[in-house]
N, C-alpha and C. Protein backbone atom coordinates (compact mmCIF):
# COMPACT_ATOMS: atom_id res chain seq x y z
N MET A 1 -163.15 211.71 -69.48
CA MET A 1 -162.50 211.14 -71.00
C MET A 1 -163.66 210.74 -72.78
N GLU A 2 -164.13 210.48 -72.39
CA GLU A 2 -165.22 210.36 -73.28
C GLU A 2 -166.51 211.35 -73.25
N GLY A 3 -166.00 211.96 -72.78
CA GLY A 3 -166.70 212.90 -73.02
C GLY A 3 -166.38 214.68 -73.92
N VAL A 4 -164.72 214.59 -73.12
CA VAL A 4 -164.20 215.66 -74.11
C VAL A 4 -164.35 214.71 -75.13
N LEU A 5 -163.91 213.62 -75.47
CA LEU A 5 -163.85 212.73 -76.88
C LEU A 5 -164.45 212.70 -77.74
N ALA A 6 -166.33 212.89 -77.30
CA ALA A 6 -167.01 213.00 -77.68
C ALA A 6 -167.65 214.57 -78.15
N PHE A 7 -167.30 215.26 -77.27
CA PHE A 7 -166.51 217.13 -77.67
C PHE A 7 -165.89 217.31 -78.80
N VAL A 8 -165.30 216.68 -78.31
CA VAL A 8 -164.31 216.89 -79.69
C VAL A 8 -163.95 216.47 -81.14
N ARG A 9 -165.11 215.14 -81.01
CA ARG A 9 -166.18 214.35 -82.24
C ARG A 9 -166.47 215.83 -83.20
N LYS A 10 -168.27 216.30 -82.08
CA LYS A 10 -168.76 217.30 -82.47
C LYS A 10 -168.20 218.51 -83.48
N VAL A 11 -167.12 219.46 -82.64
CA VAL A 11 -166.61 220.42 -82.51
C VAL A 11 -165.90 220.17 -84.41
N ILE A 12 -165.15 219.70 -84.35
CA ILE A 12 -164.31 218.80 -85.42
C ILE A 12 -165.69 218.37 -87.04
N LEU A 13 -167.21 217.39 -86.92
CA LEU A 13 -168.31 217.57 -87.41
C LEU A 13 -168.84 219.34 -87.50
N VAL A 14 -168.55 220.08 -87.04
CA VAL A 14 -169.47 221.75 -86.86
C VAL A 14 -168.88 221.70 -87.60
N ILE A 15 -167.40 222.17 -87.76
CA ILE A 15 -166.01 223.19 -89.04
C ILE A 15 -166.31 222.30 -89.85
N PHE A 16 -166.47 221.33 -90.26
CA PHE A 16 -166.34 220.05 -91.42
C PHE A 16 -167.02 220.91 -92.27
N LEU A 17 -169.01 220.73 -91.83
CA LEU A 17 -169.78 220.41 -92.08
C LEU A 17 -170.40 222.59 -92.82
N SER A 18 -169.31 223.19 -91.58
CA SER A 18 -169.64 224.70 -92.12
C SER A 18 -168.90 225.31 -93.36
N VAL A 19 -167.62 224.08 -93.49
CA VAL A 19 -167.06 224.04 -94.71
C VAL A 19 -167.50 224.15 -95.70
N ILE A 20 -167.89 223.06 -95.72
CA ILE A 20 -168.94 222.36 -96.90
C ILE A 20 -170.10 223.54 -97.71
N PHE A 21 -170.37 223.23 -96.11
CA PHE A 21 -172.16 224.67 -96.75
C PHE A 21 -172.33 225.79 -96.86
N LEU A 22 -170.27 226.66 -96.53
CA LEU A 22 -170.28 228.00 -96.49
C LEU A 22 -168.81 227.63 -97.84
N MET A 23 -168.86 227.09 -98.33
CA MET A 23 -167.83 227.38 -99.57
C MET A 23 -168.19 227.54 -100.24
N PRO A 24 -169.73 227.68 -101.34
CA PRO A 24 -170.31 228.50 -101.89
C PRO A 24 -170.35 229.74 -102.33
N PHE A 25 -170.05 230.26 -100.84
CA PHE A 25 -170.37 230.74 -100.85
C PHE A 25 -169.58 232.40 -100.37
N GLY A 26 -168.30 231.76 -100.66
CA GLY A 26 -167.09 232.20 -100.02
C GLY A 26 -166.78 232.93 -101.05
N CYS A 27 -165.03 233.46 -101.29
CA CYS A 27 -164.79 233.13 -101.84
C CYS A 27 -164.39 233.34 -103.41
N SER A 28 -164.86 234.00 -104.43
CA SER A 28 -165.39 233.31 -105.88
C SER A 28 -163.04 232.96 -106.13
N MET A 29 -162.67 232.43 -107.61
CA MET A 29 -162.22 232.84 -108.53
C MET A 29 -161.85 233.58 -108.61
N SER A 30 -162.50 234.63 -109.70
CA SER A 30 -163.11 235.76 -109.88
C SER A 30 -162.10 237.41 -108.85
N GLN A 31 -162.24 238.69 -109.18
CA GLN A 31 -161.67 239.06 -108.49
C GLN A 31 -162.82 240.12 -109.50
N LEU A 32 -162.87 241.62 -108.47
CA LEU A 32 -164.22 241.98 -108.02
C LEU A 32 -163.89 243.29 -109.26
N GLY A 33 -164.86 243.77 -110.18
CA GLY A 33 -164.72 244.00 -111.05
C GLY A 33 -163.41 243.43 -112.36
N GLU A 34 -163.88 242.05 -112.81
CA GLU A 34 -162.76 240.93 -114.06
C GLU A 34 -164.22 240.67 -114.04
N SER A 35 -163.96 240.18 -115.64
CA SER A 35 -164.88 239.62 -116.37
C SER A 35 -164.50 238.80 -116.22
N SER A 36 -165.00 237.26 -117.03
CA SER A 36 -164.37 236.91 -117.06
C SER A 36 -163.57 236.06 -118.12
N ALA A 37 -163.47 236.86 -119.28
CA ALA A 37 -162.15 236.84 -120.51
C ALA A 37 -160.95 237.63 -119.57
N GLU A 38 -161.00 238.15 -119.26
CA GLU A 38 -160.04 238.79 -118.11
C GLU A 38 -159.40 237.74 -117.09
N GLY A 39 -160.18 237.57 -116.31
CA GLY A 39 -160.36 236.29 -115.84
C GLY A 39 -158.86 235.30 -115.86
N SER A 40 -159.50 234.58 -116.84
CA SER A 40 -159.32 232.88 -118.56
C SER A 40 -157.83 233.50 -118.67
N ARG A 41 -158.06 234.92 -118.20
CA ARG A 41 -156.64 235.20 -119.05
C ARG A 41 -154.57 235.22 -117.42
N ARG A 42 -156.14 235.92 -117.01
CA ARG A 42 -155.04 235.66 -116.04
C ARG A 42 -154.50 234.20 -114.94
N HIS A 43 -155.32 233.76 -114.71
CA HIS A 43 -155.70 232.25 -114.53
C HIS A 43 -154.46 231.60 -116.16
N LYS A 44 -154.03 232.04 -116.84
CA LYS A 44 -154.14 230.87 -117.94
C LYS A 44 -152.27 231.54 -117.88
N ARG A 45 -152.21 233.38 -118.11
CA ARG A 45 -150.38 233.68 -117.57
C ARG A 45 -150.48 232.97 -116.62
N ILE A 46 -150.78 232.93 -115.36
CA ILE A 46 -150.45 232.39 -113.66
C ILE A 46 -149.33 230.69 -114.45
N LEU A 47 -150.60 229.86 -114.96
CA LEU A 47 -149.86 228.61 -115.27
C LEU A 47 -148.75 228.94 -116.00
N ARG A 48 -148.33 229.09 -117.07
CA ARG A 48 -147.37 229.59 -117.98
C ARG A 48 -146.19 230.02 -117.06
N LEU A 49 -146.59 231.20 -116.23
CA LEU A 49 -145.12 231.49 -115.20
C LEU A 49 -144.65 230.04 -114.11
N TYR A 50 -145.40 229.36 -113.99
CA TYR A 50 -145.55 229.09 -112.63
C TYR A 50 -144.92 227.49 -113.14
N GLN A 51 -145.56 227.22 -114.04
CA GLN A 51 -144.94 225.47 -114.11
C GLN A 51 -144.05 225.56 -114.84
N PRO A 52 -143.19 225.57 -114.99
CA PRO A 52 -141.40 225.09 -114.62
C PRO A 52 -141.20 225.65 -113.93
N GLU A 53 -142.05 226.10 -112.67
CA GLU A 53 -141.25 225.82 -111.09
C GLU A 53 -141.52 225.08 -111.09
N MET A 54 -143.61 224.29 -110.79
CA MET A 54 -143.72 223.64 -110.30
C MET A 54 -142.76 222.70 -110.90
N VAL A 55 -142.23 222.13 -112.24
CA VAL A 55 -142.21 220.81 -112.36
C VAL A 55 -140.62 220.91 -111.75
N THR A 56 -139.83 221.86 -111.52
CA THR A 56 -138.20 221.53 -111.35
C THR A 56 -138.39 221.54 -109.50
N ASP A 57 -139.47 221.63 -108.51
CA ASP A 57 -139.81 221.77 -107.83
C ASP A 57 -140.23 219.41 -106.99
N ILE A 58 -141.50 219.28 -108.37
CA ILE A 58 -141.34 218.02 -108.14
C ILE A 58 -139.53 217.08 -108.33
N ASP A 59 -139.21 217.12 -109.23
CA ASP A 59 -138.19 216.73 -109.70
C ASP A 59 -137.04 216.82 -108.82
N GLN A 60 -137.01 218.19 -107.70
CA GLN A 60 -136.30 218.26 -106.58
C GLN A 60 -136.93 217.04 -105.84
N VAL A 61 -137.92 216.84 -105.46
CA VAL A 61 -139.02 216.18 -104.68
C VAL A 61 -138.50 214.58 -105.04
N LEU A 62 -138.11 214.62 -106.16
CA LEU A 62 -138.30 212.63 -106.44
C LEU A 62 -136.86 212.67 -107.40
N PHE A 63 -135.50 213.25 -106.79
CA PHE A 63 -134.55 213.57 -107.02
C PHE A 63 -134.39 213.05 -108.89
N LEU A 64 -134.71 213.55 -108.71
CA LEU A 64 -134.56 213.86 -110.30
C LEU A 64 -133.52 214.83 -111.08
N ASP A 65 -133.68 215.42 -110.72
CA ASP A 65 -132.31 216.51 -110.56
C ASP A 65 -131.16 216.57 -109.90
N ARG A 66 -130.99 215.33 -110.62
CA ARG A 66 -129.29 214.47 -110.01
C ARG A 66 -129.26 213.50 -109.83
N PRO A 67 -127.44 213.21 -110.81
CA PRO A 67 -127.72 212.06 -111.58
C PRO A 67 -127.66 209.93 -110.17
N ASN A 68 -128.61 209.79 -111.05
CA ASN A 68 -128.39 208.08 -109.75
C ASN A 68 -127.34 207.80 -109.69
N ARG A 69 -127.31 206.75 -109.12
CA ARG A 69 -126.33 206.14 -108.12
C ARG A 69 -126.14 204.88 -108.92
N LEU A 70 -126.69 204.61 -109.91
CA LEU A 70 -127.28 203.05 -110.36
C LEU A 70 -126.46 203.07 -111.66
N THR A 71 -125.62 201.02 -111.42
CA THR A 71 -124.66 200.04 -112.30
C THR A 71 -125.36 200.39 -113.44
N GLU A 72 -124.86 200.96 -114.63
CA GLU A 72 -125.53 199.47 -115.93
C GLU A 72 -124.90 198.85 -116.16
N ARG A 73 -124.63 198.33 -115.96
CA ARG A 73 -123.87 196.44 -115.27
C ARG A 73 -125.05 195.97 -114.60
N ARG A 74 -125.43 195.10 -115.26
CA ARG A 74 -126.75 193.82 -113.99
C ARG A 74 -124.94 193.38 -113.59
N ILE A 75 -125.99 193.10 -112.09
CA ILE A 75 -125.44 192.38 -110.85
C ILE A 75 -126.19 190.52 -111.44
N PRO A 76 -125.72 189.93 -110.97
CA PRO A 76 -126.36 188.44 -111.25
C PRO A 76 -126.47 187.79 -109.72
């Protein structure tokens, strides 16, 4: 049992370290053939379009999209 646990720990460590070391060499935020200004415009457009949807999703998670059941009177 301890041998399996040690093996799992080693596998997790190898995966974690490979992700950390390979991340800078992976996919970048810009597309091929896209200048930095075009990438910036694309990111601003995405944020402008999807920000209201994100706010709506957060409101649904926090139950802010429906009326609350709190009383207006003070309970002694």
